[in-house]
Each structure stands twice: as structure tokens, then as C-alpha cells.
Amino acid sequence: MTDTTESQNIYAAIDLGSNSFHMMVAREVHGQLQVIDKHKEMIRLRSGLDKKGYLTPEAFQNGIECLERFGQLIKKIPGHQVRAVGTNTLRNAKNSQEFLRQARKALGHEIQIIAGQEEARLIYLGVAHGLPQNDEQRLVMDIGGGSTEYIIGKNFNYRHLTSTEMGCVSITQQFFSKPEITEKRMTKAISNCRQILRPHLTKLTSLGWDSAIGASGSIKSIGTLLKENGWTEGEITLEGMLKLKDALLQAGSIQAASLQGLKEERIPVLAGGLAILIATFEELKIAQMQVSSNALREGLVFDTLGRLFAEDVRETSVAAAQAWLKIDTEQAEAIAHTSKIFYKQAHNIWQLHDADYNYKKLLNWAAQLHEAGMALSYKRYRHHSAYLIENSELAGFTQQEKQMLATMLLNHRGKFVPEAYERFASPHKEKLKYLTVLLRLAVRIHRGREKDIPDILLYTTGEKTIHLSFEKDWLKAHPLTQMDLEVEAERLAGADFTLTYE
């Protein structure tokens, strides 16, 4: 990647997994992906957690150095065409925020932590794009280092997402910490995995599926082993896996088993992955599973393409939230419209445009969702709004995006609390304050729920100076708005903003 023009249709996806870090670089050609580079490093982040839940200095540094190498390959790709996400281990590590701060610098791009449900959605999207479109309902499974996802859907539409707290690394650590593999350890591991999966059994089996698809390094590795050792033709079956298990037990360890097709990098986590897959076949009564070459990385790229070409699943999630929370959409749209006008007038001085993130969209979503808390109670509704949005499953949104929205909703009225933004790194920390001010002003002006508001000019003559200019005599005819703006000026002054109006 040497030229910005050359990289206009180049996309990159980075998966900071619990076992390995993956990067895929692809070119978009008529809606299809042409992979032009891939790079993987076995970082084993999950194995690098100490007893207190912190990444050890060695694991921390290995991850950062890997991302520096990744960054070299993608430094010329525009930020909005790069998606980097962290999964289970970075969701749980006590020092994940410090790791992310250094990781973003090393990679040169934003990195988001995604929830298990969002991870499952992206995996399904990636797998679905690699399969023919038909009427089959599919079960898609992905074994990660710290979690395993199960998704049921048809074509590009999922019906159910499940993320479980078991992965090839975590199960290996728990039951196979020593190289020796015994019948007792394997039986305990499989039983444990079955117990973890059992609470999800009713939902998964009630929906049913016509075919089962596996995606991940563990599943691919097991599929290869079954084929290379003559136990299947390439598909995964319970009978084939039991033969693999017997071979491991007879040899006493993976190293001693002399298996054809076993890559050295898979040796440390094979036993854990096999236990999860056997348990899944036994619990869900799966006859056979095909292996997909697509997974989370492909899902990230296709999701990015959708965002760029007006198919952003986050818009659908916001509309769904408005429906189930019974939000007044006319009021939300009016405030969103005024917020958008203010954004256009302020974004140059406040430098709100960013190549790596669409803050304009974030402001719109905050406007659309700011009254979410009224579904519970008008009293303290801004607190309810913040809690609901931060803790809801909103497809397409990362945990950080939900936190950013929640912080804006918490501060969209009442006392402005600048300290609430300290949990975010730059540039989010600074820009979110500006976006919140624009939202607050729009909410104040539309307090009377009037649809026809005259044009309002917003001037930003300095970094934290705002002047609103209304039509002649409009404020005189709206004394409550004038009083509200007086109060707002006092509250914004507490955050070092100066608001004047005429």
C-alpha cells in the first residue's frame, strides 16, 4: 500500500483473539472480496493472564509488537476502511484499557472491544458471505481462545446468537495443563463443556437447522486431522472425532500421537478445542459439520462495506430500540435534525470530522435515543437512558460506542459532568464533549415539542465559545426557551463553555 488512490477500495480487518492475532487485507471488487494479504501470529493472550486477571508484561509486549508489524502493512489504508476488534480476553483482562491505549498507537488505527453477541453476529456475517444463498437454516459455530459462539440463521439474516464462556485456550488451561492426556481429564473436560452449553440447548434445538458450519482455527484443524488421517472425507463427524480422541489417549499426549496434518501451532490448544467440539456434537446431536474458510475477519470487512454503502446494521438497531422503548420518534427526529444543523455549523472550528470515526452519526444516534429512559420513569430518565443503552444488545455497536452514547445521554440535560468523559482516550474524550453540547442545545430548543423551529445560526468563535442567533423576536415569543438558555449558559460555564444568544 503506497498510495492513497490505490488504497481507496482496500479494506483491512484485524482480530485480536484470545489465542492468535489475525489480519486480513482485501480488495472490494463488485461487492466481492479479493484477499490480497493475510498475516497471523500466535500471541496466546489468554495464556498470558495472571492469577489476578492481568496480562503479564510478556504477553502485553508480545501483543504490542505484533500490532506494530500489522501497522506497517496497513498504514496507507484510510481509517474508515480498517476495522480492528478485541474479543474475549480483552473483554476480561483487568489492564485491557492500558493495553488498548498502547495497541492503538502501535497499529495506527482505532481498536474496539466487542461483546460476545456482536462477535457472534460478525462471525455469522462472514460465514454467510462464503456460502451459497438458499432456503437452508444454518447453525454456525466458532471456537475462539476464550469463548465459543453459536449462531442460527438463514442467508445473511441471523435468528439467534449465543456466546459461551469456553474456548480452546481456557478449556486447555483448566483440564490439560500438563502434556499428558488421560481418559479422566478428557471426560471431565467434555462434561464441563456440555454443562456450559446446556442452558442454551432448548433455544438452539427449538429453532433447528438444516446444516452445520464450523469456523475457526480449532475447527479447521480438527477437520484437517480427520481427513489427513483417513477418518472422514473432510467433514467433521462425532465418529471421526472419537477416533481422534482415542488416538490421543493411546499415545498419551498430542506430541506423541504422530498425527498427519497437525500444525505445531495447534498442539497447545488441540485438546481443549476437541473437547468443546465433541461436547457440542453430543449435546446438539449434530450428524456432520462442514468447515468454512470465512469467519470474524470477513464479517468485519463486509460489515464495513455495509456501513459505507448505506447498509449500516447500527441504524436498524437504533430503530428497533426506539420501537421497544416506545420513544417519541417525531421528537427524536426533530432534535436529530437541529443537532445535525448545529454540527454542520460547528464542525470546522471544533474539528469534529475524523477520518477514523463518524461522529456525525454518533450525534444522530444520541438524539434518536436520548429519551430511552422515559420507558422506565421520567424521574432521572437521563440516568435510565444511559444505563439502558450501555447495557442493551445493539447489533453493530461496539462496547465503546455504547459507552460513548451512554455518556452523551447522561449529560444531555441537567448538570454537565466533564469527568464522565475521562474514561475515553483522545480524540473521543474531547469530541464527545462538543457533541454533547450540541445535543443539549437542541434538546433545550425543542423542549416544547414544536415541529416548526425557525433557522438558528450557531457561531463558534473559539474552542469553547458558542453564540446562538434566533429570528427577530422569536425568543421574546418563547420565554421558557429564553429562561432555559439562561440556565444552560450557567451549566455549560461549569464545563468551561461560554454560551451567548440573541
Protein backbone atom coordinates (compact mmCIF):
# COMPACT_ATOMS: atom_id res chain seq x y z
CA MET A 1 0.00 0.00 0.00
CA THR A 2 1.96 3.00 -1.21
CA ASP A 3 -0.63 5.44 -2.43
CA THR A 4 -3.95 6.71 -1.09
CA THR A 5 -5.60 6.37 -4.51
CA GLU A 6 -4.53 2.72 -4.72
CA SER A 7 -6.00 2.05 -1.28
CA GLN A 8 -9.44 3.53 -1.92
CA ASN A 9 -11.03 0.09 -2.34
CA ILE A 10 -8.67 -1.75 0.04
CA TYR A 11 -10.03 -2.89 3.40
CA ALA A 12 -8.36 -4.41 6.43
CA ALA A 13 -9.75 -6.45 9.31
CA ILE A 14 -7.78 -7.22 12.48
CA ASP A 15 -8.99 -9.76 15.04
CA LEU A 16 -7.22 -9.57 18.40
CA GLY A 17 -8.26 -13.03 19.54
CA SER A 18 -7.52 -14.84 22.77
CA ASN A 19 -5.25 -17.35 21.04
CA SER A 20 -3.98 -15.54 17.95
CA PHE A 21 -3.99 -12.15 16.25
CA HIS A 22 -5.21 -12.24 12.65
CA MET A 23 -5.11 -9.62 9.92
CA MET A 24 -6.73 -9.78 6.52
CA VAL A 25 -6.32 -7.21 3.75
CA ALA A 26 -8.78 -7.43 0.88
CA ARG A 27 -9.82 -5.54 -2.23
CA GLU A 28 -13.52 -4.92 -2.90
CA VAL A 29 -14.39 -5.87 -6.49
CA HIS A 30 -18.06 -5.54 -7.47
CA GLY A 31 -19.27 -6.39 -3.98
CA GLN A 32 -16.91 -9.36 -3.59
CA LEU A 33 -13.71 -9.61 -1.55
CA GLN A 34 -10.40 -10.44 -3.18
CA VAL A 35 -7.93 -11.24 -0.41
CA ILE A 36 -4.54 -9.71 -1.15
CA ASP A 37 -2.73 -10.36 2.13
CA LYS A 38 -3.12 -12.31 5.35
CA HIS A 39 -0.98 -12.43 8.45
CA LYS A 40 -1.40 -14.41 11.67
CA GLU A 41 0.64 -14.60 14.85
CA MET A 42 0.03 -16.95 17.79
CA ILE A 43 0.09 -14.45 20.65
CA ARG A 44 -1.82 -16.67 23.13
CA LEU A 45 -3.15 -13.66 25.01
CA ARG A 46 -5.44 -15.80 27.15
CA SER A 47 -2.50 -17.88 28.36
CA GLY A 48 -0.82 -14.60 29.32
CA LEU A 49 -3.38 -13.73 32.01
CA ASP A 50 -2.01 -13.99 35.55
CA LYS A 51 -4.00 -15.25 38.55
CA LYS A 52 -5.39 -11.76 39.20
CA GLY A 53 -6.66 -11.35 35.65
CA TYR A 54 -3.93 -9.03 34.35
CA LEU A 55 -2.00 -9.53 31.12
CA THR A 56 1.57 -10.38 32.05
CA PRO A 57 4.31 -8.00 30.84
CA GLU A 58 5.48 -10.63 28.34
CA ALA A 59 2.01 -11.20 26.84
CA PHE A 60 1.38 -7.45 26.84
CA GLN A 61 4.60 -6.73 24.96
CA ASN A 62 4.13 -9.61 22.50
CA GLY A 63 0.74 -8.21 21.56
CA ILE A 64 2.04 -4.68 21.07
CA GLU A 65 4.98 -5.82 18.94
CA CYS A 66 2.65 -7.89 16.76
CA LEU A 67 0.41 -4.87 16.17
CA GLU A 68 3.42 -2.77 15.19
CA ARG A 69 4.08 -5.33 12.46
CA PHE A 70 0.43 -5.28 11.42
CA GLY A 71 0.53 -1.49 11.34
CA GLN A 72 3.33 -1.49 8.78
CA LEU A 73 1.08 -3.28 6.27
CA ILE A 74 -1.97 -1.05 6.67
CA LYS A 75 -0.56 2.40 7.37
CA LYS A 76 -1.71 3.75 3.98
CA ILE A 77 -5.29 2.43 4.24
CA PRO A 78 -7.86 5.11 5.22
CA GLY A 79 -9.02 4.77 8.81
CA HIS A 80 -12.68 4.23 7.93
CA GLN A 81 -11.66 1.19 5.86
CA VAL A 82 -9.88 -0.52 8.77
CA ARG A 83 -11.71 -2.46 11.49
CA ALA A 84 -9.79 -3.82 14.45
CA VAL A 85 -11.56 -5.60 17.31
CA GLY A 86 -10.65 -7.30 20.55
CA THR A 87 -12.64 -10.26 21.85
CA ASN A 88 -12.92 -12.41 24.97
CA THR A 89 -9.55 -11.92 26.68
CA LEU A 90 -9.51 -8.17 26.10
CA ARG A 91 -13.11 -8.02 27.35
CA ASN A 92 -11.98 -9.54 30.64
CA ALA A 93 -8.34 -8.51 31.25
CA LYS A 94 -8.02 -6.07 34.16
CA ASN A 95 -5.44 -3.99 32.29
CA SER A 96 -7.14 -4.09 28.89
CA GLN A 97 -7.59 -0.30 28.75
CA GLU A 98 -3.85 0.29 29.13
CA PHE A 99 -3.18 -2.40 26.53
CA LEU A 100 -5.64 -0.76 24.12
CA ARG A 101 -4.05 2.65 24.60
CA GLN A 102 -0.65 1.32 23.53
CA ALA A 103 -2.15 -1.03 20.93
CA ARG A 104 -3.90 1.81 19.09
CA LYS A 105 -0.62 3.69 18.91
CA ALA A 106 1.22 0.60 17.65
CA LEU A 107 -1.38 -0.24 15.00
CA GLY A 108 -2.04 3.35 13.96
CA HIS A 109 -5.80 2.75 13.94
CA GLU A 110 -8.73 2.58 16.35
CA ILE A 111 -9.33 -0.73 18.15
CA GLN A 112 -12.73 -1.61 19.59
CA ILE A 113 -13.71 -4.24 22.16
CA ILE A 114 -16.81 -6.12 21.03
CA ALA A 115 -19.27 -8.07 23.18
CA GLY A 116 -19.82 -11.78 22.67
CA GLN A 117 -23.14 -11.23 20.91
CA GLU A 118 -21.57 -8.78 18.45
CA GLU A 119 -18.70 -11.19 17.87
CA ALA A 120 -21.26 -13.88 17.02
CA ARG A 121 -23.09 -11.58 14.60
CA LEU A 122 -19.90 -10.71 12.73
CA ILE A 123 -18.82 -14.35 12.55
CA TYR A 124 -22.18 -15.27 11.04
CA LEU A 125 -21.96 -12.42 8.54
CA GLY A 126 -18.51 -13.57 7.43
CA VAL A 127 -19.52 -17.22 7.09
CA ALA A 128 -22.77 -16.35 5.28
CA HIS A 129 -20.89 -14.41 2.61
CA GLY A 130 -18.88 -17.53 1.80
CA LEU A 131 -21.91 -19.80 1.34
CA PRO A 132 -24.49 -20.12 -1.46
CA GLN A 133 -27.78 -18.30 -0.90
CA ASN A 134 -30.65 -20.77 -0.43
CA ASP A 135 -33.51 -21.65 1.93
CA GLU A 136 -31.35 -23.64 4.35
CA GLN A 137 -31.33 -22.69 8.01
CA ARG A 138 -27.76 -22.94 9.28
CA LEU A 139 -26.05 -23.48 12.58
CA VAL A 140 -22.71 -21.67 12.60
CA MET A 141 -20.14 -22.41 15.31
CA ASP A 142 -16.84 -20.70 16.08
CA ILE A 143 -14.38 -21.82 18.77
CA GLY A 144 -12.19 -18.97 19.99
CA GLY A 145 -9.49 -18.95 22.63
CA GLY A 146 -11.80 -17.80 25.43
CA SER A 147 -15.33 -18.17 24.07
CA THR A 148 -17.38 -20.24 21.65
CA GLU A 149 -20.17 -18.74 19.56
CA TYR A 150 -23.28 -20.44 18.17
CA ILE A 151 -25.50 -18.70 15.62
CA ILE A 152 -28.61 -19.84 13.80
CA GLY A 153 -29.73 -18.02 10.67
CA LYS A 154 -30.72 -18.14 7.04
CA ASN A 155 -28.70 -16.45 4.28
CA PHE A 156 -27.46 -13.12 5.74
CA ASN A 157 -30.09 -12.90 8.50
CA TYR A 158 -29.39 -14.39 11.91
CA ARG A 159 -32.21 -15.58 14.16
CA HIS A 160 -30.30 -16.37 17.33
CA LEU A 161 -26.86 -15.50 18.72
CA THR A 162 -25.17 -17.26 21.63
CA SER A 163 -21.73 -16.66 23.11
CA THR A 164 -20.46 -19.08 25.77
CA GLU A 165 -17.55 -18.74 28.19
CA MET A 166 -15.49 -21.68 26.94
CA GLY A 167 -12.64 -21.58 24.46
CA CYS A 168 -9.81 -23.79 23.28
CA VAL A 169 -7.30 -21.96 25.49
CA SER A 170 -9.46 -21.71 28.63
CA ILE A 171 -10.54 -25.38 28.49
CA THR A 172 -6.95 -26.49 27.82
CA GLN A 173 -5.72 -24.46 30.80
CA GLN A 174 -8.42 -25.90 33.05
CA PHE A 175 -8.15 -29.59 32.13
CA PHE A 176 -4.96 -30.14 30.12
CA SER A 177 -2.35 -28.01 31.87
CA LYS A 178 0.04 -30.97 31.68
CA PRO A 179 1.05 -32.56 28.34
CA GLU A 180 -0.35 -35.95 29.37
CA ILE A 181 -3.87 -36.63 28.07
CA THR A 182 -5.87 -39.17 30.08
CA GLU A 183 -9.38 -40.59 29.77
CA LYS A 184 -10.29 -38.98 33.10
CA ARG A 185 -9.19 -35.49 32.05
CA MET A 186 -10.86 -35.71 28.65
CA THR A 187 -14.12 -36.98 30.17
CA LYS A 188 -14.13 -34.15 32.71
CA ALA A 189 -13.41 -31.56 30.01
CA ILE A 190 -16.21 -32.79 27.74
CA SER A 191 -18.64 -32.97 30.67
CA ASN A 192 -17.77 -29.40 31.67
CA CYS A 193 -18.33 -28.13 28.13
CA ARG A 194 -21.68 -29.91 27.95
CA GLN A 195 -22.75 -28.20 31.18
CA ILE A 196 -21.77 -24.78 29.82
CA LEU A 197 -23.73 -25.38 26.61
CA ARG A 198 -26.79 -26.95 28.25
CA PRO A 199 -28.59 -23.67 29.25
CA HIS A 200 -28.66 -22.73 25.55
CA LEU A 201 -29.81 -26.14 24.34
CA THR A 202 -33.58 -25.51 24.28
CA LYS A 203 -33.34 -22.32 22.24
CA LEU A 204 -30.89 -23.75 19.73
CA THR A 205 -32.72 -27.04 19.18
CA SER A 206 -36.17 -25.42 19.04
CA LEU A 207 -35.03 -23.26 16.11
CA GLY A 208 -33.34 -26.19 14.39
CA TRP A 209 -31.03 -26.18 11.37
CA ASP A 210 -30.55 -27.91 8.05
CA SER A 211 -26.75 -27.79 8.01
CA ALA A 212 -23.95 -27.10 10.49
CA ILE A 213 -20.93 -24.95 9.60
CA GLY A 214 -17.76 -24.58 11.65
CA ALA A 215 -15.41 -21.59 11.54
CA SER A 216 -12.16 -21.05 13.48
CA GLY A 217 -8.63 -22.35 13.69
CA SER A 218 -9.63 -25.14 16.07
CA ILE A 219 -12.45 -26.44 13.88
CA LYS A 220 -10.38 -26.15 10.70
CA SER A 221 -7.52 -28.01 12.39
CA ILE A 222 -9.78 -30.83 13.56
CA GLY A 223 -11.33 -31.09 10.09
CA THR A 224 -7.87 -31.37 8.55
CA LEU A 225 -6.77 -34.02 11.07
CA LEU A 226 -9.85 -36.15 10.40
CA LYS A 227 -9.24 -36.03 6.66
CA GLU A 228 -5.45 -36.44 6.68
CA ASN A 229 -5.66 -39.46 8.99
CA GLY A 230 -8.39 -41.15 6.95
CA TRP A 231 -11.20 -40.81 9.46
CA THR A 232 -13.51 -38.70 7.23
CA GLU A 233 -13.53 -37.18 3.75
CA GLY A 234 -13.05 -33.69 5.18
CA GLU A 235 -16.33 -33.18 7.00
CA ILE A 236 -16.40 -33.34 10.81
CA THR A 237 -18.34 -36.17 12.45
CA LEU A 238 -18.63 -37.40 16.02
CA GLU A 239 -17.33 -40.82 14.97
CA GLY A 240 -14.26 -39.21 13.42
CA MET A 241 -13.58 -37.08 16.50
CA LEU A 242 -13.88 -40.08 18.82
CA LYS A 243 -11.22 -41.83 16.71
CA LEU A 244 -9.02 -38.74 17.07
CA LYS A 245 -9.63 -38.75 20.83
CA ASP A 246 -8.74 -42.46 21.04
CA ALA A 247 -5.51 -41.81 19.12
CA LEU A 248 -4.54 -39.10 21.61
CA LEU A 249 -5.38 -41.28 24.61
CA GLN A 250 -3.45 -44.23 23.20
CA ALA A 251 -0.38 -42.06 22.55
CA GLY A 252 -0.67 -40.36 25.93
CA SER A 253 -0.01 -36.87 24.55
CA ILE A 254 -0.57 -34.84 21.41
CA GLN A 255 3.16 -34.69 20.71
CA ALA A 256 3.46 -38.48 20.81
CA ALA A 257 0.42 -39.15 18.62
CA SER A 258 2.23 -38.62 15.27
CA LEU A 259 -0.89 -37.23 13.63
CA GLN A 260 -0.83 -36.37 9.94
CA GLY A 261 -1.76 -32.75 9.19
CA LEU A 262 -1.17 -31.37 12.69
CA LYS A 263 0.46 -27.95 12.71
CA GLU A 264 2.82 -27.29 15.59
CA GLU A 265 0.99 -24.06 16.48
CA ARG A 266 -2.25 -26.01 17.17
CA ILE A 267 -0.66 -28.52 19.57
CA PRO A 268 -1.09 -26.41 22.77
CA VAL A 269 -4.86 -25.94 22.28
CA LEU A 270 -5.99 -29.02 20.34
CA ALA A 271 -7.27 -30.94 23.38
CA GLY A 272 -9.44 -28.04 24.57
CA GLY A 273 -10.87 -27.43 21.11
CA LEU A 274 -11.61 -31.14 20.64
CA ALA A 275 -13.44 -31.34 23.99
CA ILE A 276 -15.66 -28.38 23.05
CA LEU A 277 -16.47 -29.80 19.63
CA ILE A 278 -17.25 -33.31 20.92
CA ALA A 279 -19.49 -31.84 23.64
CA THR A 280 -21.30 -29.73 21.04
CA PHE A 281 -21.93 -32.69 18.73
CA GLU A 282 -23.20 -34.79 21.64
CA GLU A 283 -25.47 -32.10 23.11
CA LEU A 284 -26.88 -30.80 19.83
CA LYS A 285 -26.99 -34.21 18.12
CA ILE A 286 -25.07 -32.90 15.10
CA ALA A 287 -24.59 -35.52 12.37
CA GLN A 288 -21.84 -33.72 10.49
CA MET A 289 -20.29 -30.27 10.15
CA GLN A 290 -18.70 -28.59 7.14
CA VAL A 291 -15.78 -26.22 7.59
CA SER A 292 -15.91 -22.60 6.41
CA SER A 293 -12.84 -20.62 5.43
CA ASN A 294 -14.63 -17.39 6.44
CA ALA A 295 -15.06 -16.10 9.98
CA LEU A 296 -14.87 -12.90 12.05
CA ARG A 297 -12.37 -11.10 9.82
CA GLU A 298 -14.51 -11.48 6.69
CA GLY A 299 -17.53 -10.40 8.71
CA LEU A 300 -15.73 -7.23 9.76
CA VAL A 301 -14.94 -6.31 6.17
CA PHE A 302 -18.46 -6.98 4.88
CA ASP A 303 -19.91 -5.04 7.83
CA THR A 304 -17.60 -2.13 6.98
CA LEU A 305 -18.72 -2.23 3.35
CA GLY A 306 -22.32 -2.15 4.53
CA ARG A 307 -21.64 0.93 6.66
CA LEU A 308 -20.03 2.72 3.75
CA PHE A 309 -22.81 1.84 1.31
CA ALA A 310 -25.89 2.66 3.40
CA GLU A 311 -26.46 -0.80 4.89
CA ASP A 312 -25.35 0.01 8.42
CA VAL A 313 -26.87 -2.52 10.83
CA ARG A 314 -26.50 0.06 13.62
CA GLU A 315 -29.29 2.11 12.04
CA THR A 316 -31.56 -0.93 12.25
CA SER A 317 -30.58 -1.44 15.89
CA VAL A 318 -31.44 2.16 16.78
CA ALA A 319 -34.84 1.88 15.08
CA ALA A 320 -35.52 -1.37 16.93
CA ALA A 321 -34.56 0.22 20.27
CA GLN A 322 -36.90 3.14 19.58
CA ALA A 323 -39.72 0.67 18.98
CA TRP A 324 -39.29 -1.48 22.08
CA LEU A 325 -38.61 1.52 24.32
CA LYS A 326 -41.60 3.38 22.82
CA ILE A 327 -39.54 6.50 22.09
CA ASP A 328 -41.35 9.51 20.60
CA THR A 329 -39.74 9.29 17.16
CA GLU A 330 -41.12 12.64 15.95
CA GLN A 331 -39.45 14.44 18.85
CA ALA A 332 -36.28 12.40 18.40
CA GLU A 333 -36.17 13.24 14.69
CA ALA A 334 -36.72 16.95 15.35
CA ILE A 335 -33.83 17.04 17.83
CA ALA A 336 -31.66 14.99 15.47
CA HIS A 337 -32.40 17.47 12.67
CA THR A 338 -31.45 20.50 14.76
CA SER A 339 -28.36 18.71 16.11
CA LYS A 340 -27.31 18.00 12.54
CA ILE A 341 -27.65 21.69 11.61
CA PHE A 342 -25.57 22.67 14.64
CA TYR A 343 -22.95 20.05 13.72
CA LYS A 344 -22.58 21.50 10.21
CA GLN A 345 -22.08 24.98 11.65
CA ALA A 346 -19.60 23.93 14.34
CA HIS A 347 -17.61 21.01 12.96
CA ASN A 348 -14.90 23.05 11.21
CA ILE A 349 -13.92 25.16 14.21
CA TRP A 350 -14.26 22.25 16.63
CA GLN A 351 -12.64 19.79 14.17
CA LEU A 352 -15.37 17.22 14.64
CA HIS A 353 -14.73 15.47 11.34
CA ASP A 354 -12.46 12.47 11.70
CA ALA A 355 -11.22 10.00 9.09
CA ASP A 356 -11.31 7.15 11.61
CA TYR A 357 -14.77 7.69 13.11
CA ASN A 358 -18.12 9.17 12.05
CA TYR A 359 -19.03 11.48 14.95
CA LYS A 360 -21.93 12.91 12.97
CA LYS A 361 -23.63 9.51 13.08
CA LEU A 362 -22.94 9.22 16.80
CA LEU A 363 -24.66 12.55 17.44
CA ASN A 364 -27.67 11.42 15.41
CA TRP A 365 -27.98 8.17 17.36
CA ALA A 366 -27.73 10.03 20.66
CA ALA A 367 -30.55 12.33 19.54
CA GLN A 368 -32.65 9.36 18.44
CA LEU A 369 -32.18 7.55 21.77
CA HIS A 370 -31.93 10.34 24.35
CA GLU A 371 -35.44 9.72 25.73
CA ALA A 372 -34.96 5.95 26.08
CA GLY A 373 -35.11 6.16 29.87
CA MET A 374 -38.67 7.50 29.85
CA ALA A 375 -39.76 3.91 29.26
CA LEU A 376 -38.90 3.38 32.93
CA SER A 377 -39.65 6.75 34.52
CA TYR A 378 -39.45 10.47 33.78
CA LYS A 379 -37.62 10.95 37.07
CA ARG A 380 -33.88 10.59 36.44
CA TYR A 381 -34.66 9.47 32.90
CA ARG A 382 -31.26 10.59 31.60
CA HIS A 383 -29.65 8.11 34.00
CA HIS A 384 -32.06 5.40 32.86
CA SER A 385 -31.31 6.24 29.21
CA ALA A 386 -27.58 5.91 29.78
CA TYR A 387 -27.95 2.60 31.61
CA LEU A 388 -30.33 1.06 29.07
CA ILE A 389 -28.19 1.93 26.05
CA GLU A 390 -24.88 0.90 27.60
CA ASN A 391 -26.27 -2.46 28.71
CA SER A 392 -28.51 -3.36 25.78
CA GLU A 393 -27.57 -5.75 22.97
CA LEU A 394 -27.41 -3.38 20.00
CA ALA A 395 -26.19 -5.21 16.91
CA GLY A 396 -23.32 -3.46 15.17
CA PHE A 397 -22.31 -1.33 18.16
CA THR A 398 -19.06 -1.96 19.99
CA GLN A 399 -18.91 -1.72 23.76
CA GLN A 400 -17.07 1.59 23.47
CA GLU A 401 -19.70 3.03 21.12
CA LYS A 402 -22.41 2.13 23.62
CA GLN A 403 -20.35 3.74 26.37
CA MET A 404 -19.93 6.90 24.28
CA LEU A 405 -23.67 7.08 23.64
CA ALA A 406 -24.40 6.44 27.32
CA THR A 407 -22.09 9.26 28.39
CA MET A 408 -23.78 11.68 25.99
CA LEU A 409 -27.24 10.61 27.17
CA LEU A 410 -26.24 11.00 30.81
CA ASN A 411 -25.11 14.56 30.09
CA HIS A 412 -27.75 15.67 27.57
CA ARG A 413 -29.53 17.72 30.26
CA GLY A 414 -29.04 18.71 33.87
CA LYS A 415 -25.59 19.24 35.32
CA PHE A 416 -22.79 18.85 32.78
CA VAL A 417 -20.18 16.48 34.23
CA PRO A 418 -16.86 16.73 32.31
CA GLU A 419 -15.35 13.95 34.45
CA ALA A 420 -17.70 11.44 32.80
CA TYR A 421 -15.58 11.67 29.63
CA GLU A 422 -12.30 10.76 31.31
CA ARG A 423 -12.76 7.05 30.62
CA PHE A 424 -12.22 7.71 26.91
CA ALA A 425 -8.91 8.25 25.16
CA SER A 426 -8.28 11.11 22.76
CA PRO A 427 -9.78 12.15 20.39
CA HIS A 428 -13.06 10.67 21.67
CA LYS A 429 -12.74 12.39 25.04
CA GLU A 430 -12.64 15.91 23.60
CA LYS A 431 -15.03 15.45 20.70
CA LEU A 432 -17.73 13.78 22.79
CA LYS A 433 -17.95 16.91 24.95
CA TYR A 434 -18.59 19.06 21.89
CA LEU A 435 -21.19 16.64 20.55
CA THR A 436 -22.94 16.62 23.91
CA VAL A 437 -23.12 20.42 23.95
CA LEU A 438 -24.78 20.40 20.52
CA LEU A 439 -27.26 17.78 21.72
CA ARG A 440 -28.02 19.74 24.90
CA LEU A 441 -28.79 22.89 22.92
CA ALA A 442 -31.10 21.02 20.54
CA VAL A 443 -32.93 19.40 23.47
CA ARG A 444 -33.41 22.79 25.14
CA ILE A 445 -34.77 24.40 21.99
CA HIS A 446 -37.24 21.55 21.33
CA ARG A 447 -38.50 21.32 24.91
CA GLY A 448 -41.95 22.47 23.78
CA ARG A 449 -42.02 19.62 21.22
CA GLU A 450 -42.67 22.08 18.41
CA LYS A 451 -42.03 20.72 14.94
CA ASP A 452 -41.53 24.05 13.18
CA ILE A 453 -38.47 25.73 14.61
CA PRO A 454 -37.02 28.64 12.62
CA ASP A 455 -33.46 28.55 11.35
CA ILE A 456 -30.94 29.09 14.12
CA LEU A 457 -27.38 30.19 13.45
CA LEU A 458 -24.70 28.74 15.69
CA TYR A 459 -21.34 30.51 15.77
CA THR A 460 -18.25 29.00 17.38
CA THR A 461 -15.78 31.85 17.61
CA GLY A 462 -13.41 29.91 19.82
CA GLU A 463 -12.65 26.47 21.16
CA LYS A 464 -15.38 26.64 23.80
CA THR A 465 -17.38 29.71 22.79
CA ILE A 466 -20.89 29.37 21.35
CA HIS A 467 -23.31 32.04 20.14
CA LEU A 468 -26.88 31.29 19.02
CA SER A 469 -28.73 33.71 16.77
CA PHE A 470 -32.53 33.37 16.51
CA GLU A 471 -35.03 35.10 14.24
CA LYS A 472 -36.04 38.53 15.49
CA ASP A 473 -38.49 38.40 18.43
CA TRP A 474 -38.58 34.57 18.43
CA LEU A 475 -37.08 34.31 21.90
CA LYS A 476 -39.43 37.02 23.14
CA ALA A 477 -42.34 34.86 21.97
CA HIS A 478 -40.79 31.82 23.67
CA PRO A 479 -39.93 32.98 27.20
CA LEU A 480 -39.46 29.42 28.52
CA THR A 481 -36.77 28.75 25.91
CA GLN A 482 -35.07 32.00 26.86
CA MET A 483 -35.10 31.00 30.52
CA ASP A 484 -33.82 27.52 29.63
CA LEU A 485 -30.92 29.05 27.70
CA GLU A 486 -30.04 31.21 30.71
CA VAL A 487 -29.88 28.08 32.85
CA GLU A 488 -27.94 26.25 30.14
CA ALA A 489 -25.36 29.05 29.96
CA GLU A 490 -24.74 28.64 33.70
CA ARG A 491 -24.41 24.87 33.45
CA LEU A 492 -22.09 24.98 30.46
CA ALA A 493 -19.94 27.54 32.25
CA GLY A 494 -19.22 24.80 34.78
CA ALA A 495 -17.59 22.88 31.93
CA ASP A 496 -15.68 25.99 30.72
CA PHE A 497 -18.03 26.67 27.78
CA THR A 498 -19.35 30.17 27.11
CA LEU A 499 -22.88 30.36 25.68
CA THR A 500 -24.46 33.60 24.45
CA TYR A 501 -27.60 34.14 22.38
CA GLU A 502 -29.77 36.82 20.83
